[in-house]
Amino acid sequence: MKLLDEIKTDLVNEKAKLTNTLRKAKILASQLQLDEFKNWIRFELEGYNKYDDLPDYRKFKAHNIGTFSGPFQSMAKNVTLPTFNLPTSVRDFAENLDMYESIGALENMLSSSTNSFQRKWPQEAIILARDSMQMSGGMVLVDACQPITKHLVAGIIDNVKNKLMDFILDLKASNISLDSEKLESRSKDQIRNLFNVHIYGNHNIVASGEKVIQSCQKVTINDIQSLLNYFRNLKVPSEDIALLEKAVIADGKRKKGQLGKRIKEWVGNMISKASSGIWKIAQEVAPKLIMEALKNYYGW
């Protein structure tokens, strides 16, 4: 499909705007008839709101700085604000920096001459925090904000590019025929699984079997035997267990949220087996089971 090549070319072109690339991806999502893909593109182009399920790559721990005012026009600026003693309603807001902005807004921030940005605290949060934020000399909190660096903004844009690229590459490498007017149900399921693995990882994937999910807690960081035993308990065939072990060793240590090439191939293969019934796990549960275990193993 020509559109896949166009998107791939745009993603490696530093001069290409991600907003334009996402518009092409929007056309692809429509052709694939994949609602999850359509919604993700819409949120990235239009922005999220607090009622939407924000992806993990847009969530950060916040740093807060405040301005205090006192008698005789005294003032203290850029004071780091502790959060441990804040009221619960304010602390939840102060400790987390959730980035809801559209990709277009983030690109504008990145191209701005300003090196850093601020998210101001709402006035009601400042008022509620005053009793917990006291300075000597009768100084009170009058303003507060959360600094946002260009490095953080660039990280979100890179994350979206990398996730979309991984999805496109695996889509091209699959044996799924994308040129037919109407995709087969099984093909759509395979594409949906690829999308969930690459875009959301272990997040936003519909799953059931809570007791099985809880057994992921037995998978410990860098303990490959605990990981293999977890999948043995799920009745994964021994040959697939052996392939998993080789893949984990070959890919080595991984950065947060970044699966290695061999592991990605293994995950895709196992999800395909679930959809075909070879692996005796429900198709909608398989991605969650796999990603939860890998997350625990890598310590993400």
C-alpha atoms as a PDB file:
ATOM      1  CA  MET A   1       0.000   0.000   0.000  1.00  0.00           C
ATOM      2  CA  LYS A   2       1.472   3.321  -1.157  1.00  0.00           C
ATOM      3  CA  LEU A   3       0.094   5.215   1.838  1.00  0.00           C
ATOM      4  CA  LEU A   4       2.201   3.116   4.234  1.00  0.00           C
ATOM      5  CA  ASP A   5       5.359   4.130   2.370  1.00  0.00           C
ATOM      6  CA  GLU A   6       4.358   7.801   2.423  1.00  0.00           C
ATOM      7  CA  ILE A   7       3.818   7.721   6.190  1.00  0.00           C
ATOM      8  CA  LYS A   8       7.096   5.877   6.750  1.00  0.00           C
ATOM      9  CA  THR A   9       8.994   8.430   4.625  1.00  0.00           C
ATOM     10  CA  ASP A  10       7.417  11.334   6.516  1.00  0.00           C
ATOM     11  CA  LEU A  11       8.364   9.853   9.879  1.00  0.00           C
ATOM     12  CA  VAL A  12      12.084   9.837   9.027  1.00  0.00           C
ATOM     13  CA  ASN A  13      11.959  13.290   7.440  1.00  0.00           C
ATOM     14  CA  GLU A  14      12.958  15.811  10.114  1.00  0.00           C
ATOM     15  CA  LYS A  15      11.337  18.641   8.143  1.00  0.00           C
ATOM     16  CA  ALA A  16       7.943  16.927   7.862  1.00  0.00           C
ATOM     17  CA  LYS A  17       5.341  18.098  10.361  1.00  0.00           C
ATOM     18  CA  LEU A  18       3.952  15.274  12.462  1.00  0.00           C
ATOM     19  CA  THR A  19       0.489  16.845  12.202  1.00  0.00           C
ATOM     20  CA  ASN A  20       0.515  16.289   8.430  1.00  0.00           C
ATOM     21  CA  THR A  21       1.778  12.738   8.877  1.00  0.00           C
ATOM     22  CA  LEU A  22      -1.028  12.031  11.337  1.00  0.00           C
ATOM     23  CA  ARG A  23      -3.561  13.297   8.804  1.00  0.00           C
ATOM     24  CA  LYS A  24      -2.244  10.682   6.365  1.00  0.00           C
ATOM     25  CA  ALA A  25      -2.472   8.115   9.156  1.00  0.00           C
ATOM     26  CA  LYS A  26      -6.081   9.218   9.651  1.00  0.00           C
ATOM     27  CA  ILE A  27      -6.802   8.186   6.060  1.00  0.00           C
ATOM     28  CA  LEU A  28      -5.064   4.854   6.700  1.00  0.00           C
ATOM     29  CA  ALA A  29      -7.122   4.294   9.872  1.00  0.00           C
ATOM     30  CA  SER A  30     -10.300   4.887   7.856  1.00  0.00           C
ATOM     31  CA  GLN A  31      -9.198   2.417   5.172  1.00  0.00           C
ATOM     32  CA  LEU A  32      -8.361  -0.175   7.831  1.00  0.00           C
ATOM     33  CA  GLN A  33     -11.740   0.456   9.519  1.00  0.00           C
ATOM     34  CA  LEU A  34      -9.980   0.369  12.880  1.00  0.00           C
ATOM     35  CA  ASP A  35     -11.795   2.498  15.468  1.00  0.00           C
ATOM     36  CA  GLU A  36      -8.943   2.339  18.008  1.00  0.00           C
ATOM     37  CA  PHE A  37      -6.548   3.756  15.442  1.00  0.00           C
ATOM     38  CA  LYS A  38      -9.033   6.470  14.409  1.00  0.00           C
ATOM     39  CA  ASN A  39      -9.551   7.561  18.017  1.00  0.00           C
ATOM     40  CA  TRP A  40      -5.830   7.692  18.782  1.00  0.00           C
ATOM     41  CA  ILE A  41      -5.195   9.842  15.693  1.00  0.00           C
ATOM     42  CA  ARG A  42      -8.105  12.125  16.616  1.00  0.00           C
ATOM     43  CA  PHE A  43      -6.835  12.632  20.156  1.00  0.00           C
ATOM     44  CA  GLU A  44      -3.285  13.333  18.982  1.00  0.00           C
ATOM     45  CA  LEU A  45      -4.510  15.836  16.372  1.00  0.00           C
ATOM     46  CA  GLU A  46      -7.182  17.558  18.481  1.00  0.00           C
ATOM     47  CA  GLY A  47      -5.815  17.062  21.991  1.00  0.00           C
ATOM     48  CA  TYR A  48      -7.042  15.064  24.972  1.00  0.00           C
ATOM     49  CA  ASN A  49      -9.193  16.179  27.873  1.00  0.00           C
ATOM     50  CA  LYS A  50      -9.308  15.057  31.482  1.00  0.00           C
ATOM     51  CA  TYR A  51     -12.090  12.581  30.723  1.00  0.00           C
ATOM     52  CA  ASP A  52     -10.034  10.760  28.085  1.00  0.00           C
ATOM     53  CA  ASP A  53      -7.702   7.893  28.910  1.00  0.00           C
ATOM     54  CA  LEU A  54      -4.347   9.660  28.557  1.00  0.00           C
ATOM     55  CA  PRO A  55      -1.494   7.445  27.251  1.00  0.00           C
ATOM     56  CA  ASP A  56       1.444   6.836  29.590  1.00  0.00           C
ATOM     57  CA  TYR A  57       3.879   8.695  27.329  1.00  0.00           C
ATOM     58  CA  ARG A  58       1.992  11.916  28.102  1.00  0.00           C
ATOM     59  CA  LYS A  59       2.200  11.523  31.896  1.00  0.00           C
ATOM     60  CA  PHE A  60       5.066  12.980  33.944  1.00  0.00           C
ATOM     61  CA  LYS A  61       6.016  13.772  37.518  1.00  0.00           C
ATOM     62  CA  ALA A  62       5.682  17.492  38.064  1.00  0.00           C
ATOM     63  CA  HIS A  63       8.077  20.062  39.502  1.00  0.00           C
ATOM     64  CA  ASN A  64       6.328  23.003  41.150  1.00  0.00           C
ATOM     65  CA  ILE A  65       7.618  26.497  41.832  1.00  0.00           C
ATOM     66  CA  GLY A  66       5.789  29.273  43.629  1.00  0.00           C
ATOM     67  CA  THR A  67       5.801  32.977  44.388  1.00  0.00           C
ATOM     68  CA  PHE A  68       5.279  34.236  47.943  1.00  0.00           C
ATOM     69  CA  SER A  69       4.266  37.736  48.977  1.00  0.00           C
ATOM     70  CA  GLY A  70       4.639  39.347  52.400  1.00  0.00           C
ATOM     71  CA  PRO A  71       4.522  42.596  54.367  1.00  0.00           C
ATOM     72  CA  PHE A  72       6.067  45.786  52.974  1.00  0.00           C
ATOM     73  CA  GLN A  73       5.905  44.446  49.408  1.00  0.00           C
ATOM     74  CA  SER A  74       8.388  41.677  50.171  1.00  0.00           C
ATOM     75  CA  MET A  75       8.395  38.825  47.650  1.00  0.00           C
ATOM     76  CA  ALA A  76      10.109  35.488  47.068  1.00  0.00           C
ATOM     77  CA  LYS A  77      10.024  34.013  43.554  1.00  0.00           C
ATOM     78  CA  ASN A  78      10.910  30.619  42.035  1.00  0.00           C
ATOM     79  CA  VAL A  79      10.573  28.790  45.349  1.00  0.00           C
ATOM     80  CA  THR A  80      10.379  25.001  44.974  1.00  0.00           C
ATOM     81  CA  LEU A  81       7.139  23.794  46.506  1.00  0.00           C
ATOM     82  CA  PRO A  82       7.050  20.543  48.513  1.00  0.00           C
ATOM     83  CA  THR A  83       3.936  18.437  47.929  1.00  0.00           C
ATOM     84  CA  PHE A  84       3.947  15.837  50.716  1.00  0.00           C
ATOM     85  CA  ASN A  85       1.892  17.955  53.130  1.00  0.00           C
ATOM     86  CA  LEU A  86      -0.630  19.324  50.635  1.00  0.00           C
ATOM     87  CA  PRO A  87      -4.335  18.443  50.881  1.00  0.00           C
ATOM     88  CA  THR A  88      -5.081  15.326  48.857  1.00  0.00           C
ATOM     89  CA  SER A  89      -7.072  17.148  46.169  1.00  0.00           C
ATOM     90  CA  VAL A  90      -4.211  19.596  45.567  1.00  0.00           C
ATOM     91  CA  ARG A  91      -1.415  17.034  45.954  1.00  0.00           C
ATOM     92  CA  ASP A  92      -2.781  14.816  43.182  1.00  0.00           C
ATOM     93  CA  PHE A  93      -2.761  17.795  40.841  1.00  0.00           C
ATOM     94  CA  ALA A  94       0.640  19.101  41.971  1.00  0.00           C
ATOM     95  CA  GLU A  95       2.515  15.806  41.699  1.00  0.00           C
ATOM     96  CA  ASN A  96       1.418  14.961  38.168  1.00  0.00           C
ATOM     97  CA  LEU A  97       2.002  16.772  34.905  1.00  0.00           C
ATOM     98  CA  ASP A  98      -0.428  15.430  32.317  1.00  0.00           C
ATOM     99  CA  MET A  99       0.086  16.761  28.787  1.00  0.00           C
ATOM    100  CA  TYR A 100      -3.276  17.022  27.020  1.00  0.00           C
ATOM    101  CA  GLU A 101      -2.154  19.329  24.191  1.00  0.00           C
ATOM    102  CA  SER A 102      -2.559  18.415  20.524  1.00  0.00           C
ATOM    103  CA  ILE A 103       0.509  17.492  18.485  1.00  0.00           C
ATOM    104  CA  GLY A 104       0.091  20.759  16.593  1.00  0.00           C
ATOM    105  CA  ALA A 105       0.272  22.745  19.835  1.00  0.00           C
ATOM    106  CA  LEU A 106       3.327  20.761  20.957  1.00  0.00           C
ATOM    107  CA  GLU A 107       5.064  21.372  17.621  1.00  0.00           C
ATOM    108  CA  ASN A 108       4.393  25.100  17.999  1.00  0.00           C
ATOM    109  CA  MET A 109       5.891  25.008  21.488  1.00  0.00           C
ATOM    110  CA  LEU A 110       8.964  23.229  20.157  1.00  0.00           C
ATOM    111  CA  SER A 111       9.502  25.773  17.365  1.00  0.00           C
ATOM    112  CA  SER A 112       8.984  28.737  19.689  1.00  0.00           C
ATOM    113  CA  SER A 113      11.896  30.967  20.682  1.00  0.00           C
ATOM    114  CA  THR A 114      10.922  30.369  24.308  1.00  0.00           C
ATOM    115  CA  ASN A 115      13.071  27.702  25.969  1.00  0.00           C
ATOM    116  CA  SER A 116      10.577  26.662  28.617  1.00  0.00           C
ATOM    117  CA  PHE A 117       6.881  26.970  29.370  1.00  0.00           C
ATOM    118  CA  GLN A 118       4.669  27.022  32.434  1.00  0.00           C
ATOM    119  CA  ARG A 119       1.399  25.471  33.458  1.00  0.00           C
ATOM    120  CA  LYS A 120      -0.119  27.765  36.061  1.00  0.00           C
ATOM    121  CA  TRP A 121      -1.909  26.440  39.103  1.00  0.00           C
ATOM    122  CA  PRO A 122      -5.623  27.342  39.214  1.00  0.00           C
ATOM    123  CA  GLN A 123      -6.396  29.990  41.821  1.00  0.00           C
ATOM    124  CA  GLU A 124      -8.498  27.596  43.913  1.00  0.00           C
ATOM    125  CA  ALA A 125      -5.503  25.230  44.230  1.00  0.00           C
ATOM    126  CA  ILE A 126      -3.316  28.108  45.422  1.00  0.00           C
ATOM    127  CA  ILE A 127      -5.877  29.078  48.057  1.00  0.00           C
ATOM    128  CA  LEU A 128      -6.252  25.486  49.293  1.00  0.00           C
ATOM    129  CA  ALA A 129      -2.457  25.088  49.474  1.00  0.00           C
ATOM    130  CA  ARG A 130      -1.721  28.261  51.467  1.00  0.00           C
ATOM    131  CA  ASP A 131      -2.114  26.713  54.914  1.00  0.00           C
ATOM    132  CA  SER A 132       0.397  24.007  53.964  1.00  0.00           C
ATOM    133  CA  MET A 133       2.826  26.408  52.262  1.00  0.00           C
ATOM    134  CA  GLN A 134       4.046  28.859  54.902  1.00  0.00           C
ATOM    135  CA  MET A 135       7.198  30.964  54.895  1.00  0.00           C
ATOM    136  CA  SER A 136       8.679  32.987  57.720  1.00  0.00           C
ATOM    137  CA  GLY A 137       7.805  36.666  57.979  1.00  0.00           C
ATOM    138  CA  GLY A 138       4.144  36.120  57.230  1.00  0.00           C
ATOM    139  CA  MET A 139       4.688  35.436  53.534  1.00  0.00           C
ATOM    140  CA  VAL A 140       1.879  33.623  51.726  1.00  0.00           C
ATOM    141  CA  LEU A 141       1.639  31.754  48.441  1.00  0.00           C
ATOM    142  CA  VAL A 142       0.192  33.972  45.720  1.00  0.00           C
ATOM    143  CA  ASP A 143       1.154  32.146  42.525  1.00  0.00           C
ATOM    144  CA  ALA A 144       2.417  28.708  41.453  1.00  0.00           C
ATOM    145  CA  CYS A 145       3.202  26.862  38.247  1.00  0.00           C
ATOM    146  CA  GLN A 146       4.689  23.695  36.774  1.00  0.00           C
ATOM    147  CA  PRO A 147       7.627  24.298  34.391  1.00  0.00           C
ATOM    148  CA  ILE A 148       7.496  22.453  31.059  1.00  0.00           C
ATOM    149  CA  THR A 149      10.780  22.021  29.202  1.00  0.00           C
ATOM    150  CA  LYS A 150      11.263  21.668  25.454  1.00  0.00           C
ATOM    151  CA  HIS A 151      12.994  18.352  26.153  1.00  0.00           C
ATOM    152  CA  LEU A 152       9.736  17.005  27.599  1.00  0.00           C
ATOM    153  CA  VAL A 153       7.724  18.260  24.626  1.00  0.00           C
ATOM    154  CA  ALA A 154      10.178  16.756  22.141  1.00  0.00           C
ATOM    155  CA  GLY A 155       9.940  13.444  23.992  1.00  0.00           C
ATOM    156  CA  ILE A 156       6.172  13.244  23.441  1.00  0.00           C
ATOM    157  CA  ILE A 157       6.526  13.958  19.728  1.00  0.00           C
ATOM    158  CA  ASP A 158       9.294  11.355  19.381  1.00  0.00           C
ATOM    159  CA  ASN A 159       7.156   8.823  21.217  1.00  0.00           C
ATOM    160  CA  VAL A 160       4.254   9.308  18.818  1.00  0.00           C
ATOM    161  CA  LYS A 161       6.603   9.043  15.815  1.00  0.00           C
ATOM    162  CA  ASN A 162       8.278   5.878  17.129  1.00  0.00           C
ATOM    163  CA  LYS A 163       5.009   4.166  18.000  1.00  0.00           C
ATOM    164  CA  LEU A 164       3.475   4.984  14.631  1.00  0.00           C
ATOM    165  CA  MET A 165       6.634   3.859  12.829  1.00  0.00           C
ATOM    166  CA  ASP A 166       6.719   0.509  14.680  1.00  0.00           C
ATOM    167  CA  PHE A 167       3.066  -0.081  13.805  1.00  0.00           C
ATOM    168  CA  ILE A 168       3.597   0.823  10.137  1.00  0.00           C
ATOM    169  CA  LEU A 169       6.710  -1.362   9.820  1.00  0.00           C
ATOM    170  CA  ASP A 170       5.015  -4.400  11.330  1.00  0.00           C
ATOM    171  CA  LEU A 171       1.943  -3.778   9.211  1.00  0.00           C
ATOM    172  CA  LYS A 172       4.125  -3.809   6.084  1.00  0.00           C
ATOM    173  CA  ALA A 173       5.969  -6.925   7.279  1.00  0.00           C
ATOM    174  CA  SER A 174       2.745  -8.828   7.952  1.00  0.00           C
ATOM    175  CA  ASN A 175       1.106 -11.065   5.395  1.00  0.00           C
ATOM    176  CA  ILE A 176      -2.172  -9.196   5.727  1.00  0.00           C
ATOM    177  CA  SER A 177      -3.625  -7.992   2.426  1.00  0.00           C
ATOM    178  CA  LEU A 178      -4.448  -4.322   2.913  1.00  0.00           C
ATOM    179  CA  ASP A 179      -5.579  -3.527  -0.625  1.00  0.00           C
ATOM    180  CA  SER A 180      -8.856  -5.419  -0.557  1.00  0.00           C
ATOM    181  CA  GLU A 181     -12.004  -3.313  -0.290  1.00  0.00           C
ATOM    182  CA  LYS A 182     -13.122  -5.080   2.870  1.00  0.00           C
ATOM    183  CA  LEU A 183     -10.736  -6.685   5.321  1.00  0.00           C
ATOM    184  CA  GLU A 184     -11.519 -10.111   6.699  1.00  0.00           C
ATOM    185  CA  SER A 185     -12.528 -10.231  10.343  1.00  0.00           C
ATOM    186  CA  ARG A 186      -9.406 -12.203  11.256  1.00  0.00           C
ATOM    187  CA  SER A 187      -7.171  -9.681   9.449  1.00  0.00           C
ATOM    188  CA  LYS A 188      -8.799  -6.810  11.340  1.00  0.00           C
ATOM    189  CA  ASP A 189      -8.175  -8.624  14.621  1.00  0.00           C
ATOM    190  CA  GLN A 190      -4.503  -9.097  13.753  1.00  0.00           C
ATOM    191  CA  ILE A 191      -4.152  -5.419  12.831  1.00  0.00           C
ATOM    192  CA  ARG A 192      -5.918  -4.407  16.050  1.00  0.00           C
ATOM    193  CA  ASN A 193      -3.506  -6.519  18.094  1.00  0.00           C
ATOM    194  CA  LEU A 194      -0.507  -4.976  16.317  1.00  0.00           C
ATOM    195  CA  PHE A 195      -1.897  -1.531  17.035  1.00  0.00           C
ATOM    196  CA  ASN A 196      -2.495  -2.260  20.726  1.00  0.00           C
ATOM    197  CA  VAL A 197       0.990  -3.690  21.236  1.00  0.00           C
ATOM    198  CA  HIS A 198       2.828  -0.831  19.518  1.00  0.00           C
ATOM    199  CA  ILE A 199       0.721   2.180  20.461  1.00  0.00           C
ATOM    200  CA  TYR A 200      -0.500   1.408  23.950  1.00  0.00           C
ATOM    201  CA  GLY A 201       1.768  -1.416  25.082  1.00  0.00           C
ATOM    202  CA  ASN A 202       0.067  -2.829  28.174  1.00  0.00           C
ATOM    203  CA  HIS A 203      -2.295   0.160  28.392  1.00  0.00           C
ATOM    204  CA  ASN A 204      -5.898   0.437  27.183  1.00  0.00           C
ATOM    205  CA  ILE A 205      -6.112  -3.208  26.104  1.00  0.00           C
ATOM    206  CA  VAL A 206      -9.383  -4.872  26.979  1.00  0.00           C
ATOM    207  CA  ALA A 207      -8.749  -7.942  29.088  1.00  0.00           C
ATOM    208  CA  SER A 208     -10.466 -10.360  31.390  1.00  0.00           C
ATOM    209  CA  GLY A 209      -9.310 -13.111  33.714  1.00  0.00           C
ATOM    210  CA  GLU A 210      -8.345 -10.954  36.710  1.00  0.00           C
ATOM    211  CA  LYS A 211      -6.800 -13.839  38.648  1.00  0.00           C
ATOM    212  CA  VAL A 212      -4.479 -14.642  35.776  1.00  0.00           C
ATOM    213  CA  ILE A 213      -3.478 -10.964  35.474  1.00  0.00           C
ATOM    214  CA  GLN A 214      -2.654 -10.889  39.171  1.00  0.00           C
ATOM    215  CA  SER A 215      -0.213 -13.768  38.692  1.00  0.00           C
ATOM    216  CA  CYS A 216       1.987 -11.309  36.765  1.00  0.00           C
ATOM    217  CA  GLN A 217       3.103 -10.106  40.182  1.00  0.00           C
ATOM    218  CA  LYS A 218       5.143 -13.322  40.416  1.00  0.00           C
ATOM    219  CA  VAL A 219       7.286 -12.135  37.504  1.00  0.00           C
ATOM    220  CA  THR A 220      10.214 -10.269  39.029  1.00  0.00           C
ATOM    221  CA  ILE A 221      12.695  -7.830  37.513  1.00  0.00           C
ATOM    222  CA  ASN A 222      15.440  -9.481  35.430  1.00  0.00           C
ATOM    223  CA  ASP A 223      14.422 -12.957  36.637  1.00  0.00           C
ATOM    224  CA  ILE A 224      14.028 -14.754  33.342  1.00  0.00           C
ATOM    225  CA  GLN A 225      12.934 -18.013  34.978  1.00  0.00           C
ATOM    226  CA  SER A 226      10.004 -16.271  36.673  1.00  0.00           C
ATOM    227  CA  LEU A 227       8.989 -14.902  33.276  1.00  0.00           C
ATOM    228  CA  LEU A 228       9.251 -18.303  31.597  1.00  0.00           C
ATOM    229  CA  ASN A 229       7.380 -20.015  34.437  1.00  0.00           C
ATOM    230  CA  TYR A 230       4.602 -17.445  34.126  1.00  0.00           C
ATOM    231  CA  PHE A 231       4.023 -18.403  30.493  1.00  0.00           C
ATOM    232  CA  ARG A 232       4.369 -22.109  31.299  1.00  0.00           C
ATOM    233  CA  ASN A 233       1.499 -21.677  33.750  1.00  0.00           C
ATOM    234  CA  LEU A 234      -0.523 -20.178  30.909  1.00  0.00           C
ATOM    235  CA  LYS A 235       0.063 -23.378  28.926  1.00  0.00           C
ATOM    236  CA  VAL A 236       2.227 -21.692  26.304  1.00  0.00           C
ATOM    237  CA  PRO A 237       3.864 -24.443  24.181  1.00  0.00           C
ATOM    238  CA  SER A 238       7.412 -25.356  25.176  1.00  0.00           C
ATOM    239  CA  GLU A 239       8.820 -24.374  21.768  1.00  0.00           C
ATOM    240  CA  ASP A 240       7.424 -20.854  22.227  1.00  0.00           C
ATOM    241  CA  ILE A 241       8.872 -20.675  25.734  1.00  0.00           C
ATOM    242  CA  ALA A 242      12.292 -21.528  24.285  1.00  0.00           C
ATOM    243  CA  LEU A 243      11.900 -18.813  21.634  1.00  0.00           C
ATOM    244  CA  LEU A 244      10.959 -16.297  24.322  1.00  0.00           C
ATOM    245  CA  GLU A 245      14.094 -17.099  26.310  1.00  0.00           C
ATOM    246  CA  LYS A 246      16.298 -16.621  23.247  1.00  0.00           C
ATOM    247  CA  ALA A 247      14.525 -13.362  22.386  1.00  0.00           C
ATOM    248  CA  VAL A 248      14.947 -11.895  25.874  1.00  0.00           C
ATOM    249  CA  ILE A 249      18.652 -12.761  25.942  1.00  0.00           C
ATOM    250  CA  ALA A 250      19.217 -11.457  22.406  1.00  0.00           C
ATOM    251  CA  ASP A 251      17.455  -8.123  23.018  1.00  0.00           C
ATOM    252  CA  GLY A 252      19.203  -7.453  26.337  1.00  0.00           C
ATOM    253  CA  LYS A 253      18.225  -4.617  28.671  1.00  0.00           C
ATOM    254  CA  ARG A 254      15.482  -2.323  27.405  1.00  0.00           C
ATOM    255  CA  LYS A 255      14.540   1.301  28.025  1.00  0.00           C
ATOM    256  CA  LYS A 256      11.104   1.923  29.503  1.00  0.00           C
ATOM    257  CA  GLY A 257       8.352   1.039  27.057  1.00  0.00           C
ATOM    258  CA  GLN A 258      10.724  -0.041  24.273  1.00  0.00           C
ATOM    259  CA  LEU A 259      10.534  -3.695  23.386  1.00  0.00           C
ATOM    260  CA  GLY A 260      13.392  -5.252  21.434  1.00  0.00           C
ATOM    261  CA  LYS A 261      12.988  -6.520  17.870  1.00  0.00           C
ATOM    262  CA  ARG A 262      13.066 -10.207  18.819  1.00  0.00           C
ATOM    263  CA  ILE A 263      10.548  -9.703  21.639  1.00  0.00           C
ATOM    264  CA  LYS A 264       8.202  -7.777  19.332  1.00  0.00           C
ATOM    265  CA  GLU A 265       8.292 -10.656  16.859  1.00  0.00           C
ATOM    266  CA  TRP A 266       7.519 -13.113  19.649  1.00  0.00           C
ATOM    267  CA  VAL A 267       4.643 -10.987  20.970  1.00  0.00           C
ATOM    268  CA  GLY A 268       3.131 -10.644  17.501  1.00  0.00           C
ATOM    269  CA  ASN A 269       3.414 -14.377  16.931  1.00  0.00           C
ATOM    270  CA  MET A 270       1.742 -15.212  20.241  1.00  0.00           C
ATOM    271  CA  ILE A 271      -1.126 -12.790  19.618  1.00  0.00           C
ATOM    272  CA  SER A 272      -1.645 -14.343  16.196  1.00  0.00           C
ATOM    273  CA  LYS A 273      -1.746 -17.775  17.807  1.00  0.00           C
ATOM    274  CA  ALA A 274      -4.356 -16.538  20.267  1.00  0.00           C
ATOM    275  CA  SER A 275      -6.520 -15.201  17.433  1.00  0.00           C
ATOM    276  CA  SER A 276      -6.240 -18.492  15.563  1.00  0.00           C
ATOM    277  CA  GLY A 277      -6.987 -20.581  18.651  1.00  0.00           C
ATOM    278  CA  ILE A 278      -3.610 -22.374  18.721  1.00  0.00           C
ATOM    279  CA  TRP A 279      -2.746 -20.803  22.082  1.00  0.00           C
ATOM    280  CA  LYS A 280      -5.581 -21.587  24.490  1.00  0.00           C
ATOM    281  CA  ILE A 281      -6.065 -17.997  25.642  1.00  0.00           C
ATOM    282  CA  ALA A 282      -8.873 -15.688  24.520  1.00  0.00           C
ATOM    283  CA  GLN A 283      -7.744 -13.303  21.826  1.00  0.00           C
ATOM    284  CA  GLU A 284      -8.850 -10.180  23.688  1.00  0.00           C
ATOM    285  CA  VAL A 285      -6.937 -11.256  26.814  1.00  0.00           C
ATOM    286  CA  ALA A 286      -3.630 -12.272  25.211  1.00  0.00           C
ATOM    287  CA  PRO A 287      -2.078  -8.784  24.682  1.00  0.00           C
ATOM    288  CA  LYS A 288      -2.745  -7.792  28.291  1.00  0.00           C
ATOM    289  CA  LEU A 289      -1.304 -11.022  29.700  1.00  0.00           C
ATOM    290  CA  ILE A 290       1.862 -10.722  27.622  1.00  0.00           C
ATOM    291  CA  MET A 291       2.529  -7.025  28.190  1.00  0.00           C
ATOM    292  CA  GLU A 292       1.860  -7.139  31.943  1.00  0.00           C
ATOM    293  CA  ALA A 293       4.424  -9.923  32.329  1.00  0.00           C
ATOM    294  CA  LEU A 294       7.045  -8.157  30.203  1.00  0.00           C
ATOM    295  CA  LYS A 295       6.458  -4.908  32.086  1.00  0.00           C
ATOM    296  CA  ASN A 296       7.147  -6.646  35.401  1.00  0.00           C
ATOM    297  CA  TYR A 297      10.214  -8.428  34.013  1.00  0.00           C
ATOM    298  CA  TYR A 298      11.803  -5.217  32.691  1.00  0.00           C
ATOM    299  CA  GLY A 299      10.761  -3.219  35.763  1.00  0.00           C
ATOM    300  CA  TRP A 300       8.668  -0.643  33.901  1.00  0.00           C
END
